[in-house]
Amino acid sequence: MTGIPNESANVGRRRIAVLVPLAVFLALVLLFLFRLYSGDPSLIPSALIGHPAPQTSLPPVAGLERDGAPVPGLDPASFKGAVTVLNVWASWCVPCHDEAPLLMQLAQDSRVRLVGINYKDQPDNARRFLGRYGNPFSAAGADESGRAAIEWGVYGVPETFVVGKDAHIAYKLVGPITADNFATVLKPQIDRALAAGS
């Protein structure tokens, strides 16, 4: 008879040992789902904001030309002294097709340099993509391994960065450029970077 209370105490402890981790796990799942479905995913903060742009050199996309001249690869030294918009893109990325006309529009802004990182793409496909929509990039590096995207903290393509004249990352847009965020977010961030460098 004296063993019965100990058995029920052991059962209670085992139940708690199972229920507490389960409750913690469910709370984490709910928090994850809340964060995933609430708000704008493009507002994911980047740990690189305010830090120097990664010193990643990339070779050019093979055979890519603009106005009859070869387009150079990505040279980190070229960020210094100019506001640069860097777009990470790929021909296989569906939202990249949607944002292509807006990148062409941005390329008309002579106050900024527009450069690209072509992420895990085949050169032929990249050239066909830009042949279809136009090439907005003054430089385009081929990131065949994905290493440069990791150094830039890229979650997935497309992503766009604004790099100030001091070669520090000023802003990061996760996801595609849209007509709405182009006017209300990206252009103001570019203007802010231009004003900061004056």
N, C-alpha and C. Protein backbone atom coordinates (compact mmCIF):
# COMPACT_ATOMS: atom_id res chain seq x y z
N MET A 1 0.81 -1.20 0.00
CA MET A 1 0.00 0.00 0.00
C MET A 1 0.84 1.25 0.00
N THR A 2 1.98 1.16 0.64
CA THR A 2 2.81 2.35 0.68
C THR A 2 3.41 2.68 -0.68
N GLY A 3 3.47 1.71 -1.61
CA GLY A 3 4.04 1.95 -2.94
C GLY A 3 3.08 2.67 -3.88
N ILE A 4 1.79 2.71 -3.61
CA ILE A 4 0.81 3.30 -4.52
C ILE A 4 0.99 4.81 -4.66
N PRO A 5 1.13 5.56 -3.57
CA PRO A 5 1.35 7.00 -3.75
C PRO A 5 2.62 7.29 -4.55
N ASN A 6 3.68 6.51 -4.38
CA ASN A 6 4.91 6.73 -5.13
C ASN A 6 4.69 6.47 -6.61
N GLU A 7 3.90 5.44 -6.94
CA GLU A 7 3.61 5.16 -8.34
C GLU A 7 2.84 6.30 -8.98
N SER A 8 1.84 6.83 -8.28
CA SER A 8 1.07 7.93 -8.86
C SER A 8 1.93 9.19 -8.97
N ALA A 9 2.85 9.39 -8.06
CA ALA A 9 3.77 10.53 -8.16
C ALA A 9 4.69 10.37 -9.36
N ASN A 10 5.16 9.14 -9.60
CA ASN A 10 6.02 8.88 -10.76
C ASN A 10 5.26 9.10 -12.06
N VAL A 11 4.01 8.66 -12.10
CA VAL A 11 3.19 8.86 -13.30
C VAL A 11 2.98 10.35 -13.54
N GLY A 12 2.74 11.10 -12.49
CA GLY A 12 2.56 12.55 -12.60
C GLY A 12 3.82 13.24 -13.11
N ARG A 13 4.97 12.80 -12.61
CA ARG A 13 6.23 13.39 -13.07
C ARG A 13 6.49 13.06 -14.53
N ARG A 14 6.19 11.81 -14.91
CA ARG A 14 6.37 11.42 -16.32
C ARG A 14 5.46 12.23 -17.23
N ARG A 15 4.25 12.44 -16.78
CA ARG A 15 3.30 13.22 -17.57
C ARG A 15 3.82 14.66 -17.76
N ILE A 16 4.32 15.22 -16.68
CA ILE A 16 4.87 16.59 -16.75
C ILE A 16 6.10 16.60 -17.66
N ALA A 17 6.94 15.57 -17.54
CA ALA A 17 8.15 15.50 -18.37
C ALA A 17 7.81 15.43 -19.85
N VAL A 18 6.65 14.90 -20.19
CA VAL A 18 6.22 14.84 -21.59
C VAL A 18 5.48 16.10 -21.99
N LEU A 19 4.62 16.59 -21.12
CA LEU A 19 3.75 17.73 -21.47
C LEU A 19 4.51 19.06 -21.55
N VAL A 20 5.47 19.29 -20.70
CA VAL A 20 6.20 20.58 -20.71
C VAL A 20 6.96 20.78 -22.02
N PRO A 21 7.77 19.81 -22.47
CA PRO A 21 8.43 20.01 -23.77
C PRO A 21 7.44 20.13 -24.92
N LEU A 22 6.34 19.36 -24.84
CA LEU A 22 5.32 19.45 -25.88
C LEU A 22 4.69 20.84 -25.91
N ALA A 23 4.41 21.40 -24.74
CA ALA A 23 3.83 22.75 -24.67
C ALA A 23 4.82 23.79 -25.20
N VAL A 24 6.09 23.65 -24.87
CA VAL A 24 7.12 24.58 -25.38
C VAL A 24 7.21 24.47 -26.89
N PHE A 25 7.22 23.24 -27.41
CA PHE A 25 7.27 23.04 -28.85
C PHE A 25 6.07 23.68 -29.56
N LEU A 26 4.88 23.45 -29.03
CA LEU A 26 3.67 24.04 -29.63
C LEU A 26 3.71 25.57 -29.59
N ALA A 27 4.22 26.12 -28.50
CA ALA A 27 4.33 27.57 -28.40
C ALA A 27 5.30 28.11 -29.46
N LEU A 28 6.40 27.41 -29.68
CA LEU A 28 7.36 27.83 -30.71
C LEU A 28 6.75 27.73 -32.10
N VAL A 29 6.00 26.66 -32.36
CA VAL A 29 5.33 26.51 -33.66
C VAL A 29 4.34 27.65 -33.89
N LEU A 30 3.55 27.97 -32.86
CA LEU A 30 2.59 29.07 -32.98
C LEU A 30 3.29 30.40 -33.22
N LEU A 31 4.40 30.64 -32.52
CA LEU A 31 5.17 31.87 -32.72
C LEU A 31 5.72 31.93 -34.14
N PHE A 32 6.25 30.82 -34.62
CA PHE A 32 6.78 30.77 -35.99
C PHE A 32 5.68 31.06 -37.00
N LEU A 33 4.53 30.41 -36.85
CA LEU A 33 3.42 30.63 -37.79
C LEU A 33 2.92 32.07 -37.73
N PHE A 34 2.86 32.63 -36.52
CA PHE A 34 2.43 34.03 -36.39
C PHE A 34 3.38 34.96 -37.13
N ARG A 35 4.67 34.74 -36.93
CA ARG A 35 5.68 35.59 -37.60
C ARG A 35 5.66 35.38 -39.11
N LEU A 36 5.39 34.15 -39.54
CA LEU A 36 5.39 33.83 -40.96
C LEU A 36 4.23 34.50 -41.68
N TYR A 37 3.06 34.49 -41.06
CA TYR A 37 1.86 34.97 -41.74
C TYR A 37 1.44 36.37 -41.34
N SER A 38 2.14 37.01 -40.45
CA SER A 38 1.79 38.38 -40.08
C SER A 38 2.83 39.33 -40.64
N GLY A 39 2.37 40.38 -41.24
CA GLY A 39 3.28 41.39 -41.73
C GLY A 39 3.87 41.06 -43.08
N ASP A 40 4.79 41.88 -43.48
CA ASP A 40 5.40 41.83 -44.80
C ASP A 40 6.73 41.09 -44.72
N PRO A 41 6.89 39.97 -45.47
CA PRO A 41 8.16 39.24 -45.39
C PRO A 41 9.34 40.05 -45.90
N SER A 42 9.09 41.09 -46.68
CA SER A 42 10.20 41.91 -47.18
C SER A 42 10.83 42.74 -46.07
N LEU A 43 10.19 42.76 -44.90
CA LEU A 43 10.72 43.55 -43.79
C LEU A 43 11.62 42.74 -42.86
N ILE A 44 12.02 41.54 -43.30
CA ILE A 44 12.95 40.74 -42.51
C ILE A 44 14.24 41.53 -42.35
N PRO A 45 14.66 41.77 -41.11
CA PRO A 45 15.86 42.58 -40.93
C PRO A 45 17.12 41.85 -41.38
N SER A 46 18.11 42.60 -41.80
CA SER A 46 19.37 42.01 -42.20
C SER A 46 20.44 42.42 -41.21
N ALA A 47 21.22 41.44 -40.78
CA ALA A 47 22.32 41.72 -39.85
C ALA A 47 23.41 42.54 -40.52
N LEU A 48 23.39 42.62 -41.86
CA LEU A 48 24.44 43.33 -42.58
C LEU A 48 24.18 44.83 -42.73
N ILE A 49 22.98 45.29 -42.41
CA ILE A 49 22.68 46.71 -42.59
C ILE A 49 23.61 47.53 -41.70
N GLY A 50 24.24 48.53 -42.31
CA GLY A 50 25.20 49.36 -41.60
C GLY A 50 26.62 48.82 -41.63
N HIS A 51 26.79 47.62 -42.15
CA HIS A 51 28.11 47.00 -42.25
C HIS A 51 28.64 47.14 -43.67
N PRO A 52 29.96 47.01 -43.84
CA PRO A 52 30.52 47.08 -45.19
C PRO A 52 29.97 45.98 -46.09
N ALA A 53 29.81 46.31 -47.35
CA ALA A 53 29.39 45.30 -48.33
C ALA A 53 30.43 44.19 -48.36
N PRO A 54 30.00 42.94 -48.50
CA PRO A 54 30.96 41.84 -48.56
C PRO A 54 31.99 42.03 -49.66
N GLN A 55 33.20 41.64 -49.37
CA GLN A 55 34.32 41.78 -50.32
C GLN A 55 34.37 40.57 -51.25
N THR A 56 33.29 40.37 -51.97
CA THR A 56 33.15 39.21 -52.84
C THR A 56 33.33 39.63 -54.29
N SER A 57 34.38 39.16 -54.91
CA SER A 57 34.56 39.38 -56.35
C SER A 57 33.94 38.22 -57.10
N LEU A 58 33.25 38.53 -58.19
CA LEU A 58 32.63 37.49 -59.01
C LEU A 58 33.00 37.69 -60.46
N PRO A 59 33.22 36.60 -61.19
CA PRO A 59 33.50 36.73 -62.62
C PRO A 59 32.23 37.18 -63.34
N PRO A 60 32.38 37.74 -64.53
CA PRO A 60 31.20 38.17 -65.29
C PRO A 60 30.37 36.97 -65.75
N VAL A 61 29.11 37.23 -66.04
CA VAL A 61 28.28 36.22 -66.69
C VAL A 61 28.86 36.03 -68.08
N ALA A 62 29.26 34.84 -68.41
CA ALA A 62 29.97 34.56 -69.67
C ALA A 62 29.16 35.02 -70.88
N GLY A 63 29.82 35.84 -71.71
CA GLY A 63 29.21 36.28 -72.97
C GLY A 63 28.20 37.39 -72.84
N LEU A 64 27.97 37.91 -71.65
CA LEU A 64 26.97 38.97 -71.46
C LEU A 64 27.53 40.31 -71.94
N GLU A 65 26.74 40.99 -72.75
CA GLU A 65 27.12 42.31 -73.27
C GLU A 65 26.02 43.33 -73.01
N ARG A 66 26.43 44.58 -73.00
CA ARG A 66 25.49 45.71 -72.90
C ARG A 66 26.01 46.79 -73.83
N ASP A 67 25.17 47.21 -74.74
CA ASP A 67 25.54 48.22 -75.74
C ASP A 67 26.80 47.80 -76.51
N GLY A 68 26.91 46.51 -76.80
CA GLY A 68 28.01 45.99 -77.60
C GLY A 68 29.31 45.77 -76.85
N ALA A 69 29.34 46.07 -75.55
CA ALA A 69 30.57 45.88 -74.76
C ALA A 69 30.35 44.80 -73.71
N PRO A 70 31.39 44.04 -73.39
CA PRO A 70 31.24 43.01 -72.35
C PRO A 70 30.88 43.64 -71.00
N VAL A 71 29.97 43.00 -70.29
CA VAL A 71 29.58 43.47 -68.95
C VAL A 71 30.55 42.86 -67.95
N PRO A 72 31.19 43.70 -67.12
CA PRO A 72 32.16 43.16 -66.15
C PRO A 72 31.47 42.39 -65.03
N GLY A 73 32.27 41.62 -64.31
CA GLY A 73 31.78 40.92 -63.13
C GLY A 73 31.66 41.88 -61.95
N LEU A 74 31.47 41.32 -60.77
CA LEU A 74 31.27 42.13 -59.57
C LEU A 74 32.61 42.38 -58.89
N ASP A 75 32.94 43.67 -58.71
CA ASP A 75 34.18 44.08 -58.05
C ASP A 75 33.81 44.89 -56.82
N PRO A 76 34.07 44.40 -55.62
CA PRO A 76 33.67 45.13 -54.41
C PRO A 76 34.28 46.52 -54.30
N ALA A 77 35.42 46.76 -54.93
CA ALA A 77 36.03 48.10 -54.88
C ALA A 77 35.16 49.13 -55.58
N SER A 78 34.29 48.70 -56.50
CA SER A 78 33.48 49.65 -57.25
C SER A 78 32.32 50.22 -56.43
N PHE A 79 32.05 49.67 -55.24
CA PHE A 79 30.97 50.20 -54.41
C PHE A 79 31.34 51.56 -53.82
N LYS A 80 32.62 51.79 -53.59
CA LYS A 80 33.07 53.02 -52.95
C LYS A 80 32.81 54.22 -53.85
N GLY A 81 32.16 55.24 -53.32
CA GLY A 81 32.00 56.50 -54.03
C GLY A 81 30.72 56.64 -54.83
N ALA A 82 29.90 55.59 -54.91
CA ALA A 82 28.64 55.68 -55.66
C ALA A 82 27.57 54.90 -54.90
N VAL A 83 26.33 55.39 -54.98
CA VAL A 83 25.21 54.62 -54.44
C VAL A 83 24.93 53.51 -55.45
N THR A 84 24.94 52.27 -54.96
CA THR A 84 24.77 51.11 -55.82
C THR A 84 23.55 50.33 -55.38
N VAL A 85 22.76 49.92 -56.35
CA VAL A 85 21.66 49.00 -56.09
C VAL A 85 22.10 47.64 -56.64
N LEU A 86 22.15 46.64 -55.76
CA LEU A 86 22.57 45.30 -56.14
C LEU A 86 21.35 44.39 -56.10
N ASN A 87 21.08 43.74 -57.22
CA ASN A 87 19.93 42.84 -57.33
C ASN A 87 20.43 41.41 -57.52
N VAL A 88 19.91 40.49 -56.68
CA VAL A 88 20.24 39.07 -56.80
C VAL A 88 19.10 38.43 -57.58
N TRP A 89 19.42 37.78 -58.72
CA TRP A 89 18.39 37.31 -59.63
C TRP A 89 18.82 36.02 -60.30
N ALA A 90 17.87 35.39 -60.98
CA ALA A 90 18.15 34.18 -61.76
C ALA A 90 17.08 34.05 -62.83
N SER A 91 17.43 33.42 -63.93
CA SER A 91 16.47 33.23 -65.01
C SER A 91 15.34 32.28 -64.62
N TRP A 92 15.62 31.35 -63.71
CA TRP A 92 14.62 30.37 -63.28
C TRP A 92 13.70 30.90 -62.19
N CYS A 93 13.94 32.11 -61.72
CA CYS A 93 13.17 32.73 -60.63
C CYS A 93 11.95 33.44 -61.22
N VAL A 94 10.75 32.94 -60.92
CA VAL A 94 9.52 33.51 -61.48
C VAL A 94 9.33 34.97 -61.10
N PRO A 95 9.49 35.37 -59.81
CA PRO A 95 9.31 36.78 -59.48
C PRO A 95 10.35 37.70 -60.14
N CYS A 96 11.51 37.14 -60.52
CA CYS A 96 12.52 37.94 -61.21
C CYS A 96 12.00 38.43 -62.57
N HIS A 97 11.18 37.62 -63.21
CA HIS A 97 10.57 38.01 -64.49
C HIS A 97 9.64 39.21 -64.27
N ASP A 98 8.91 39.17 -63.15
CA ASP A 98 7.96 40.25 -62.85
C ASP A 98 8.66 41.57 -62.54
N GLU A 99 9.81 41.51 -61.86
CA GLU A 99 10.47 42.75 -61.47
C GLU A 99 11.40 43.31 -62.55
N ALA A 100 11.66 42.54 -63.61
CA ALA A 100 12.60 42.97 -64.65
C ALA A 100 12.27 44.34 -65.25
N PRO A 101 11.01 44.65 -65.59
CA PRO A 101 10.72 45.98 -66.14
C PRO A 101 11.02 47.12 -65.15
N LEU A 102 10.84 46.85 -63.86
CA LEU A 102 11.14 47.88 -62.86
C LEU A 102 12.64 48.10 -62.73
N LEU A 103 13.42 47.04 -62.91
CA LEU A 103 14.88 47.20 -62.91
C LEU A 103 15.33 48.02 -64.11
N MET A 104 14.68 47.81 -65.25
CA MET A 104 15.01 48.61 -66.44
C MET A 104 14.68 50.09 -66.18
N GLN A 105 13.58 50.33 -65.49
CA GLN A 105 13.21 51.70 -65.13
C GLN A 105 14.24 52.29 -64.18
N LEU A 106 14.66 51.51 -63.20
CA LEU A 106 15.67 51.99 -62.24
C LEU A 106 17.00 52.27 -62.93
N ALA A 107 17.33 51.51 -63.94
CA ALA A 107 18.59 51.70 -64.67
C ALA A 107 18.66 53.06 -65.35
N GLN A 108 17.51 53.71 -65.55
CA GLN A 108 17.49 55.04 -66.16
C GLN A 108 17.92 56.13 -65.18
N ASP A 109 17.96 55.82 -63.89
CA ASP A 109 18.35 56.80 -62.86
C ASP A 109 19.87 56.92 -62.84
N SER A 110 20.39 57.97 -63.40
CA SER A 110 21.85 58.14 -63.53
C SER A 110 22.54 58.41 -62.19
N ARG A 111 21.78 58.61 -61.13
CA ARG A 111 22.38 58.86 -59.81
C ARG A 111 22.90 57.59 -59.15
N VAL A 112 22.46 56.42 -59.66
CA VAL A 112 22.84 55.16 -59.02
C VAL A 112 23.44 54.19 -60.03
N ARG A 113 24.25 53.28 -59.53
CA ARG A 113 24.76 52.15 -60.31
C ARG A 113 23.86 50.96 -60.01
N LEU A 114 23.48 50.23 -61.03
CA LEU A 114 22.68 49.03 -60.84
C LEU A 114 23.54 47.83 -61.26
N VAL A 115 23.80 46.94 -60.29
CA VAL A 115 24.60 45.76 -60.56
C VAL A 115 23.82 44.52 -60.13
N GLY A 116 24.24 43.36 -60.64
CA GLY A 116 23.52 42.14 -60.32
C GLY A 116 24.41 41.00 -59.92
N ILE A 117 23.83 40.10 -59.15
CA ILE A 117 24.45 38.80 -58.88
C ILE A 117 23.51 37.77 -59.49
N ASN A 118 24.02 37.05 -60.49
CA ASN A 118 23.24 36.00 -61.15
C ASN A 118 23.46 34.72 -60.34
N TYR A 119 22.40 34.28 -59.66
CA TYR A 119 22.48 33.22 -58.65
C TYR A 119 22.21 31.84 -59.24
N LYS A 120 23.21 30.96 -59.14
CA LYS A 120 23.08 29.54 -59.53
C LYS A 120 22.32 29.37 -60.84
N ASP A 121 22.83 30.02 -61.88
CA ASP A 121 22.17 30.04 -63.18
C ASP A 121 23.15 29.59 -64.25
N GLN A 122 22.64 29.19 -65.39
CA GLN A 122 23.47 28.86 -66.54
C GLN A 122 23.66 30.14 -67.36
N PRO A 123 24.88 30.42 -67.85
CA PRO A 123 25.12 31.66 -68.61
C PRO A 123 24.17 31.83 -69.79
N ASP A 124 23.89 30.75 -70.53
CA ASP A 124 22.97 30.86 -71.67
C ASP A 124 21.59 31.32 -71.23
N ASN A 125 21.11 30.75 -70.13
CA ASN A 125 19.79 31.12 -69.62
C ASN A 125 19.78 32.56 -69.13
N ALA A 126 20.86 32.97 -68.45
CA ALA A 126 20.95 34.34 -67.96
C ALA A 126 20.94 35.33 -69.13
N ARG A 127 21.72 35.02 -70.17
CA ARG A 127 21.76 35.93 -71.34
C ARG A 127 20.40 35.99 -72.04
N ARG A 128 19.73 34.84 -72.17
CA ARG A 128 18.39 34.83 -72.79
C ARG A 128 17.41 35.66 -71.98
N PHE A 129 17.48 35.52 -70.66
CA PHE A 129 16.60 36.28 -69.75
C PHE A 129 16.78 37.78 -69.98
N LEU A 130 18.04 38.24 -69.98
CA LEU A 130 18.31 39.66 -70.16
C LEU A 130 18.05 40.09 -71.60
N GLY A 131 18.19 39.18 -72.54
CA GLY A 131 17.84 39.49 -73.93
C GLY A 131 16.35 39.74 -74.08
N ARG A 132 15.58 39.03 -73.30
CA ARG A 132 14.12 39.17 -73.37
C ARG A 132 13.63 40.46 -72.73
N TYR A 133 14.19 40.80 -71.55
CA TYR A 133 13.69 41.94 -70.78
C TYR A 133 14.55 43.20 -70.91
N GLY A 134 15.78 43.03 -71.38
CA GLY A 134 16.74 44.13 -71.38
C GLY A 134 17.72 43.94 -70.24
N ASN A 135 18.93 44.46 -70.44
CA ASN A 135 19.97 44.32 -69.41
C ASN A 135 20.12 45.64 -68.67
N PRO A 136 19.64 45.70 -67.41
CA PRO A 136 19.77 46.94 -66.65
C PRO A 136 21.11 47.08 -65.93
N PHE A 137 21.93 46.02 -65.95
CA PHE A 137 23.11 45.96 -65.08
C PHE A 137 24.37 46.51 -65.75
N SER A 138 25.07 47.39 -65.02
CA SER A 138 26.37 47.86 -65.50
C SER A 138 27.46 46.85 -65.16
N ALA A 139 27.18 45.96 -64.21
CA ALA A 139 28.07 44.85 -63.86
C ALA A 139 27.18 43.70 -63.41
N ALA A 140 27.57 42.48 -63.75
CA ALA A 140 26.78 41.30 -63.35
C ALA A 140 27.73 40.15 -63.07
N GLY A 141 27.79 39.74 -61.81
CA GLY A 141 28.66 38.64 -61.41
C GLY A 141 27.92 37.32 -61.43
N ALA A 142 28.61 36.27 -61.85
CA ALA A 142 28.04 34.93 -61.88
C ALA A 142 28.36 34.22 -60.57
N ASP A 143 27.33 33.93 -59.79
CA ASP A 143 27.49 33.22 -58.52
C ASP A 143 27.01 31.79 -58.71
N GLU A 144 27.81 31.00 -59.40
CA GLU A 144 27.41 29.63 -59.75
C GLU A 144 27.31 28.72 -58.53
N SER A 145 28.14 28.95 -57.52
CA SER A 145 28.14 28.09 -56.33
C SER A 145 27.16 28.55 -55.26
N GLY A 146 26.75 29.82 -55.31
CA GLY A 146 25.89 30.39 -54.28
C GLY A 146 26.64 30.96 -53.10
N ARG A 147 27.98 30.90 -53.14
CA ARG A 147 28.79 31.40 -52.02
C ARG A 147 28.62 32.90 -51.79
N ALA A 148 28.58 33.67 -52.87
CA ALA A 148 28.44 35.13 -52.72
C ALA A 148 27.10 35.47 -52.10
N ALA A 149 26.04 34.77 -52.50
CA ALA A 149 24.72 35.03 -51.94
C ALA A 149 24.72 34.76 -50.43
N ILE A 150 25.42 33.73 -50.01
CA ILE A 150 25.52 33.45 -48.57
C ILE A 150 26.23 34.60 -47.87
N GLU A 151 27.32 35.09 -48.46
CA GLU A 151 28.06 36.19 -47.84
C GLU A 151 27.21 37.46 -47.75
N TRP A 152 26.30 37.64 -48.70
CA TRP A 152 25.39 38.80 -48.68
C TRP A 152 24.18 38.56 -47.78
N GLY A 153 24.04 37.37 -47.22
CA GLY A 153 22.91 37.07 -46.34
C GLY A 153 21.60 36.91 -47.08
N VAL A 154 21.67 36.39 -48.30
CA VAL A 154 20.48 36.24 -49.13
C VAL A 154 19.65 35.06 -48.65
N TYR A 155 18.33 35.31 -48.47
CA TYR A 155 17.40 34.24 -48.08
C TYR A 155 16.92 33.48 -49.30
N GLY A 156 16.77 34.16 -50.43
CA GLY A 156 16.29 33.57 -51.66
C GLY A 156 16.16 34.65 -52.71
N VAL A 157 16.10 34.25 -53.98
CA VAL A 157 16.00 35.24 -55.04
C VAL A 157 14.54 35.55 -55.33
N PRO A 158 14.24 36.79 -55.71
CA PRO A 158 15.15 37.93 -55.80
C PRO A 158 15.28 38.66 -54.46
N GLU A 159 16.39 39.33 -54.30
CA GLU A 159 16.62 40.26 -53.21
C GLU A 159 17.39 41.44 -53.77
N THR A 160 17.18 42.59 -53.15
CA THR A 160 17.80 43.82 -53.63
C THR A 160 18.41 44.58 -52.46
N PHE A 161 19.62 45.07 -52.66
CA PHE A 161 20.34 45.82 -51.63
C PHE A 161 20.63 47.22 -52.14
N VAL A 162 20.59 48.20 -51.22
CA VAL A 162 21.07 49.54 -51.51
C VAL A 162 22.38 49.70 -50.74
N VAL A 163 23.45 50.02 -51.46
CA VAL A 163 24.77 50.19 -50.85
C VAL A 163 25.14 51.66 -50.98
N GLY A 164 25.46 52.30 -49.86
CA GLY A 164 25.79 53.72 -49.85
C GLY A 164 27.15 54.01 -50.46
N LYS A 165 27.43 55.30 -50.62
CA LYS A 165 28.71 55.74 -51.19
C LYS A 165 29.89 55.31 -50.34
N ASP A 166 29.63 55.05 -49.05
CA ASP A 166 30.69 54.59 -48.15
C ASP A 166 30.90 53.09 -48.23
N ALA A 167 30.23 52.43 -49.19
CA ALA A 167 30.32 50.98 -49.42
C ALA A 167 29.75 50.16 -48.26
N HIS A 168 28.83 50.77 -47.49
CA HIS A 168 28.12 50.07 -46.44
C HIS A 168 26.69 49.78 -46.91
N ILE A 169 26.15 48.65 -46.48
CA ILE A 169 24.79 48.29 -46.87
C ILE A 169 23.81 49.18 -46.11
N ALA A 170 22.97 49.88 -46.87
CA ALA A 170 22.01 50.80 -46.27
C ALA A 170 20.62 50.20 -46.14
N TYR A 171 20.28 49.26 -47.03
CA TYR A 171 18.93 48.72 -47.03
C TYR A 171 18.91 47.39 -47.76
N LYS A 172 17.98 46.52 -47.36
CA LYS A 172 17.79 45.22 -48.03
C LYS A 172 16.30 44.98 -48.22
N LEU A 173 15.92 44.67 -49.46
CA LEU A 173 14.55 44.31 -49.79
C LEU A 173 14.51 42.82 -50.08
N VAL A 174 13.77 42.08 -49.27
CA VAL A 174 13.61 40.64 -49.47
C VAL A 174 12.39 40.45 -50.37
N GLY A 175 12.55 39.68 -51.43
CA GLY A 175 11.45 39.44 -52.36
C GLY A 175 11.54 40.36 -53.55
N PRO A 176 10.56 40.26 -54.44
CA PRO A 176 10.64 41.02 -55.69
C PRO A 176 10.34 42.50 -55.51
N ILE A 177 10.91 43.30 -56.40
CA ILE A 177 10.52 44.71 -56.51
C ILE A 177 9.16 44.72 -57.20
N THR A 178 8.22 45.44 -56.60
CA THR A 178 6.89 45.57 -57.19
C THR A 178 6.64 47.05 -57.46
N ALA A 179 5.59 47.35 -58.21
CA ALA A 179 5.27 48.75 -58.48
C ALA A 179 5.05 49.51 -57.17
N ASP A 180 4.44 48.83 -56.19
CA ASP A 180 4.16 49.49 -54.92
C ASP A 180 5.43 49.74 -54.11
N ASN A 181 6.22 48.68 -53.86
CA ASN A 181 7.40 48.90 -53.01
C ASN A 181 8.50 49.66 -53.75
N PHE A 182 8.46 49.67 -55.07
CA PHE A 182 9.42 50.48 -55.84
C PHE A 182 9.24 51.95 -55.50
N ALA A 183 7.97 52.40 -55.49
CA ALA A 183 7.68 53.82 -55.24
C ALA A 183 7.73 54.17 -53.76
N THR A 184 7.24 53.28 -52.91
CA THR A 184 7.07 53.65 -51.50
C THR A 184 8.22 53.24 -50.60
N VAL A 185 9.05 52.29 -51.05
CA VAL A 185 10.13 51.80 -50.20
C VAL A 185 11.50 51.97 -50.86
N LEU A 186 11.68 51.37 -52.03
CA LEU A 186 13.01 51.33 -52.64
C LEU A 186 13.51 52.71 -53.05
N LYS A 187 12.68 53.47 -53.76
CA LYS A 187 13.11 54.82 -54.18
C LYS A 187 13.44 55.70 -52.98
N PRO A 188 12.59 55.74 -51.92
CA PRO A 188 12.97 56.54 -50.74
C PRO A 188 14.27 56.08 -50.09
N GLN A 189 14.52 54.76 -50.08
CA GLN A 189 15.78 54.27 -49.50
C GLN A 189 16.97 54.71 -50.36
N ILE A 190 16.80 54.70 -51.67
CA ILE A 190 17.87 55.18 -52.55
C ILE A 190 18.11 56.67 -52.32
N ASP A 191 17.02 57.44 -52.24
CA ASP A 191 17.15 58.88 -51.98
C ASP A 191 17.85 59.14 -50.66
N ARG A 192 17.53 58.35 -49.64
CA ARG A 192 18.17 58.51 -48.34
C ARG A 192 19.66 58.23 -48.44
N ALA A 193 20.03 57.19 -49.18
CA ALA A 193 21.45 56.85 -49.35
C ALA A 193 22.18 57.94 -50.13
N LEU A 194 21.51 58.51 -51.11
CA LEU A 194 22.11 59.61 -51.89
C LEU A 194 22.32 60.83 -51.01
N ALA A 195 21.34 61.13 -50.16
CA ALA A 195 21.45 62.29 -49.27
C ALA A 195 22.54 62.08 -48.23
N ALA A 196 22.69 60.86 -47.76
CA ALA A 196 23.70 60.57 -46.74
C ALA A 196 25.11 60.74 -47.28
N GLY A 197 25.26 60.51 -48.57
CA GLY A 197 26.59 60.62 -49.16
C GLY A 197 26.94 62.01 -49.64
N SER A 198 26.01 62.97 -49.50
CA SER A 198 26.26 64.33 -50.01
C SER A 198 27.21 65.10 -49.13
